[in-house]
C-alpha cells in the first residue's frame, strides 16, 4: 500500500513517468522550433536589408567579380557577354564576338544574369575609366565611329562623338549634322 499524505498519493518509483517525458520532448521541440523560426526570420530580414542597400554599380562589380554571362537590355536591343570593366555608372561588356559595349548604368538599361559562371571572374581594373562620362571622353579623343543606343530617341545613332559634355553627347553623324543626346537617355555605346 502506498503512503498517503495531506495532498494525496505520493509518487513512488513504480509510477508512470511517460507523460512527463512526452511533455519534456514537446516543450523542447516547441521552444527549439520557435528559436529556429526566429533565426530564419532574422536571416531573411538581414538578407533583404543587404539587397535593398545595394546600388546598381555594386551589382555590376559583383557580376565582374563572379564572371557571369550577362544580358543587357536596352529598348529593343539585347547585348550578351561577360563584364570586363565596372566602375561607378560604367559597365563594359565584351561579347562572344569580341566587341565592347559600354553601358551607362544611369541610363535606360536592365541587367540580367544569363548564365552563372562556375568559377572565374576578376577584380576591378584600377587603370580603367572612372565613369561612363570618362569613357565617352576617351572615345571623343580617339574619334572612332560609334553606335549610340538611346531607346527614348528611337533608332540608334551612328557617328563620331564630337563632345562628351557633362549632361549630353554631341554626335556628328554620317551627313555631318550634329545630334545632341542627353546622357540619361544613352543606354550603350558600341565602338565600330
Protein backbone atom coordinates (compact mmCIF):
# COMPACT_ATOMS: atom_id res chain seq x y z
CA UNK A 1 0.00 0.00 0.00
CA UNK A 2 1.25 3.47 -0.87
CA UNK A 3 1.54 6.04 1.87
CA UNK A 4 -0.93 8.90 1.70
CA UNK A 5 -0.18 12.43 2.65
CA UNK A 6 -2.26 15.54 3.05
CA UNK A 7 -2.07 16.23 -0.69
CA UNK A 8 -2.97 12.78 -1.81
CA UNK A 9 -0.97 9.82 -3.04
CA UNK A 10 2.83 10.16 -3.01
CA UNK A 11 4.62 9.16 -6.16
CA UNK A 12 6.82 6.15 -5.93
CA UNK A 13 9.50 4.88 -8.27
CA UNK A 14 6.95 2.43 -9.61
CA UNK A 15 4.89 5.32 -11.07
CA UNK A 16 4.42 6.03 -14.77
CA UNK A 17 6.61 8.93 -15.96
CA UNK A 18 5.93 8.58 -19.72
CA UNK A 19 3.62 11.58 -19.58
CA UNK A 20 6.46 13.74 -18.30
CA UNK A 21 8.87 12.50 -20.96
CA UNK A 22 6.35 13.36 -23.69
CA UNK A 23 5.77 16.78 -22.16
CA UNK A 24 9.53 17.35 -21.89
CA UNK A 25 10.05 16.44 -25.56
CA UNK A 26 7.13 18.62 -26.66
CA UNK A 27 8.50 21.61 -24.72
CA UNK A 28 11.99 21.13 -26.21
CA UNK A 29 10.61 20.92 -29.76
CA UNK A 30 8.28 23.89 -29.41
CA UNK A 31 10.93 26.14 -27.86
CA UNK A 32 13.59 24.91 -30.31
CA UNK A 33 11.19 25.38 -33.19
CA UNK A 34 10.41 28.92 -32.04
CA UNK A 35 14.13 29.76 -31.86
CA UNK A 36 14.64 28.24 -35.31
CA UNK A 37 11.72 30.23 -36.79
CA UNK A 38 13.02 33.43 -35.19
CA UNK A 39 16.52 32.78 -36.56
CA UNK A 40 15.09 32.19 -40.06
CA UNK A 41 13.06 35.41 -39.89
CA UNK A 42 16.13 37.37 -38.72
CA UNK A 43 18.27 35.89 -41.51
CA UNK A 44 15.61 36.75 -44.10
CA UNK A 45 15.29 40.33 -42.82
CA UNK A 46 19.09 40.77 -42.84
CA UNK A 47 19.38 39.43 -46.39
CA UNK A 48 16.58 41.75 -47.57
CA UNK A 49 18.27 44.70 -45.87
CA UNK A 50 21.56 43.98 -47.67
CA UNK A 51 19.80 43.65 -51.05
CA UNK A 52 17.90 46.91 -50.52
CA UNK A 53 21.07 48.86 -49.75
CA UNK A 54 22.96 47.72 -52.87
CA UNK A 55 23.39 50.11 -55.76
CA UNK A 56 23.48 49.14 -59.43
CA UNK A 57 27.22 49.84 -59.64
CA UNK A 58 27.74 47.36 -56.76
CA UNK A 59 25.70 44.79 -58.66
CA UNK A 60 27.86 45.41 -61.76
CA UNK A 61 31.03 44.89 -59.71
CA UNK A 62 29.62 41.59 -58.35
CA UNK A 63 28.93 40.45 -61.93
CA UNK A 64 32.52 41.36 -62.85
CA UNK A 65 33.93 39.52 -59.83
CA UNK A 66 31.87 36.38 -60.49
CA UNK A 67 32.49 36.27 -64.25
CA UNK A 68 28.84 35.61 -65.08
CA UNK A 69 27.48 35.92 -68.60
CA UNK A 70 25.23 38.97 -68.57
CA UNK A 71 22.46 40.21 -70.85
CA UNK A 72 21.99 43.96 -71.09
CA UNK A 73 18.56 45.01 -72.32
CA UNK A 74 18.28 48.47 -73.85
CA UNK A 75 14.95 49.08 -75.52
CA UNK A 76 14.65 46.62 -78.41
CA UNK A 77 18.35 45.71 -78.19
CA UNK A 78 19.93 42.88 -76.22
CA UNK A 79 23.68 42.57 -75.68
CA UNK A 80 25.18 39.36 -74.27
CA UNK A 81 28.67 38.97 -72.87
CA UNK A 82 30.96 38.98 -69.88
CA UNK A 83 31.66 42.09 -67.79
CA UNK A 84 35.22 43.27 -68.48
CA UNK A 85 35.11 46.53 -66.51
CA UNK A 86 32.80 48.07 -63.92
CA UNK A 87 33.25 51.39 -62.18
CA UNK A 88 30.57 53.75 -60.90
CA UNK A 89 27.99 54.17 -63.69
CA UNK A 90 30.06 52.34 -66.34
CA UNK A 91 29.88 48.66 -67.23
CA UNK A 92 31.90 47.38 -70.19
CA UNK A 93 30.63 44.15 -71.67
CA UNK A 94 32.70 42.01 -74.04
CA UNK A 95 30.53 40.00 -76.43
CA UNK A 96 31.43 36.50 -77.70
CA UNK A 97 32.49 38.17 -80.99
CA UNK A 98 34.96 40.37 -79.07
CA UNK A 99 33.07 43.66 -79.40
CA UNK A 100 32.97 46.04 -76.48
CA UNK A 101 29.67 47.51 -75.34
CA UNK A 102 29.97 50.45 -72.93
CA UNK A 103 26.82 50.51 -70.80
CA UNK A 104 25.52 53.58 -68.96
CA UNK A 105 24.18 52.21 -65.66
CA UNK A 106 22.41 55.55 -65.14
CA UNK A 107 20.62 55.07 -68.46
CA UNK A 108 17.56 53.05 -69.51
CA UNK A 109 19.01 49.53 -69.13
CA UNK A 110 18.18 46.24 -67.49
CA UNK A 111 20.89 43.79 -66.39
CA UNK A 112 20.11 40.08 -66.37
CA UNK A 113 22.30 37.17 -65.37
CA UNK A 114 22.11 34.90 -68.42
CA UNK A 115 24.44 32.21 -67.08
CA UNK A 116 26.22 31.81 -63.77
CA UNK A 117 29.95 31.19 -64.05
CA UNK A 118 31.07 28.10 -62.13
CA UNK A 119 34.46 29.73 -61.45
CA UNK A 120 36.32 32.78 -62.58
CA UNK A 121 35.69 36.46 -62.60
CA UNK A 122 38.18 39.22 -61.97
CA UNK A 123 38.83 42.25 -59.83
CA UNK A 124 38.28 45.89 -60.64
CA UNK A 125 40.77 47.41 -63.08
CA UNK A 126 42.40 50.31 -61.25
CA UNK A 127 43.57 51.86 -64.51
CA UNK A 128 40.30 51.81 -66.44
CA UNK A 129 37.89 54.71 -66.90
CA UNK A 130 36.31 56.01 -63.69
CA UNK A 131 32.82 56.57 -65.12
CA UNK A 132 30.64 56.39 -68.22
CA UNK A 133 31.38 60.05 -69.00
CA UNK A 134 35.14 59.40 -68.68
CA UNK A 135 34.83 56.55 -71.19
CA UNK A 136 32.84 58.80 -73.56
CA UNK A 137 35.62 61.40 -73.34
CA UNK A 138 38.17 58.71 -74.23
CA UNK A 139 36.07 57.85 -77.28
CA UNK A 140 35.81 61.55 -78.14
CA UNK A 141 39.62 61.79 -78.18
CA UNK A 142 40.22 58.59 -80.16
CA UNK A 143 37.46 59.51 -82.67
CA UNK A 144 36.16 56.08 -83.68
CA UNK A 145 32.78 55.67 -85.32
CA UNK A 146 30.33 54.58 -82.64
CA UNK A 147 26.77 53.38 -82.42
CA UNK A 148 24.78 55.11 -79.68
CA UNK A 149 21.82 53.17 -78.32
CA UNK A 150 19.36 55.64 -76.81
CA UNK A 151 15.95 53.91 -76.54
CA UNK A 152 13.96 57.11 -75.85
CA UNK A 153 15.30 58.56 -79.14
CA UNK A 154 14.27 55.57 -81.23
CA UNK A 155 16.76 54.21 -83.77
CA UNK A 156 20.44 54.08 -82.75
CA UNK A 157 22.67 56.93 -83.90
CA UNK A 158 25.89 56.21 -85.77
CA UNK A 159 28.66 58.76 -85.91
CA UNK A 160 31.59 60.25 -84.07
CA UNK A 161 31.46 61.77 -80.59
CA UNK A 162 32.40 65.41 -81.14
CA UNK A 163 31.96 66.37 -77.50
CA UNK A 164 31.18 64.48 -74.30
CA UNK A 165 29.63 67.24 -72.21
CA UNK A 166 28.61 66.93 -68.58
CA UNK A 167 24.97 66.15 -69.44
CA UNK A 168 24.91 65.19 -73.14
CA UNK A 169 26.83 63.80 -76.10
CA UNK A 170 27.27 65.79 -79.29
CA UNK A 171 27.42 63.29 -82.15
CA UNK A 172 28.36 64.11 -85.73
CA UNK A 173 26.50 61.69 -88.00
CA UNK A 174 27.33 60.49 -91.50
CA UNK A 175 25.64 63.56 -93.02
CA UNK A 176 27.78 65.92 -90.94
CA UNK A 177 24.78 67.19 -88.99
CA UNK A 178 25.17 67.26 -85.20
CA UNK A 179 22.83 65.41 -82.81
CA UNK A 180 22.64 66.11 -79.09
CA UNK A 181 21.76 63.15 -76.87
CA UNK A 182 21.07 63.60 -73.14
CA UNK A 183 23.32 61.27 -71.14
CA UNK A 184 20.40 59.81 -69.13
CA UNK A 185 18.93 58.65 -72.47
CA UNK A 186 22.10 56.81 -73.51
CA UNK A 187 21.89 53.12 -72.71
CA UNK A 188 25.04 51.92 -74.51
CA UNK A 189 27.81 52.98 -76.87
CA UNK A 190 29.48 50.48 -79.20
CA UNK A 191 32.73 51.43 -80.98
CA UNK A 192 32.74 50.21 -84.63
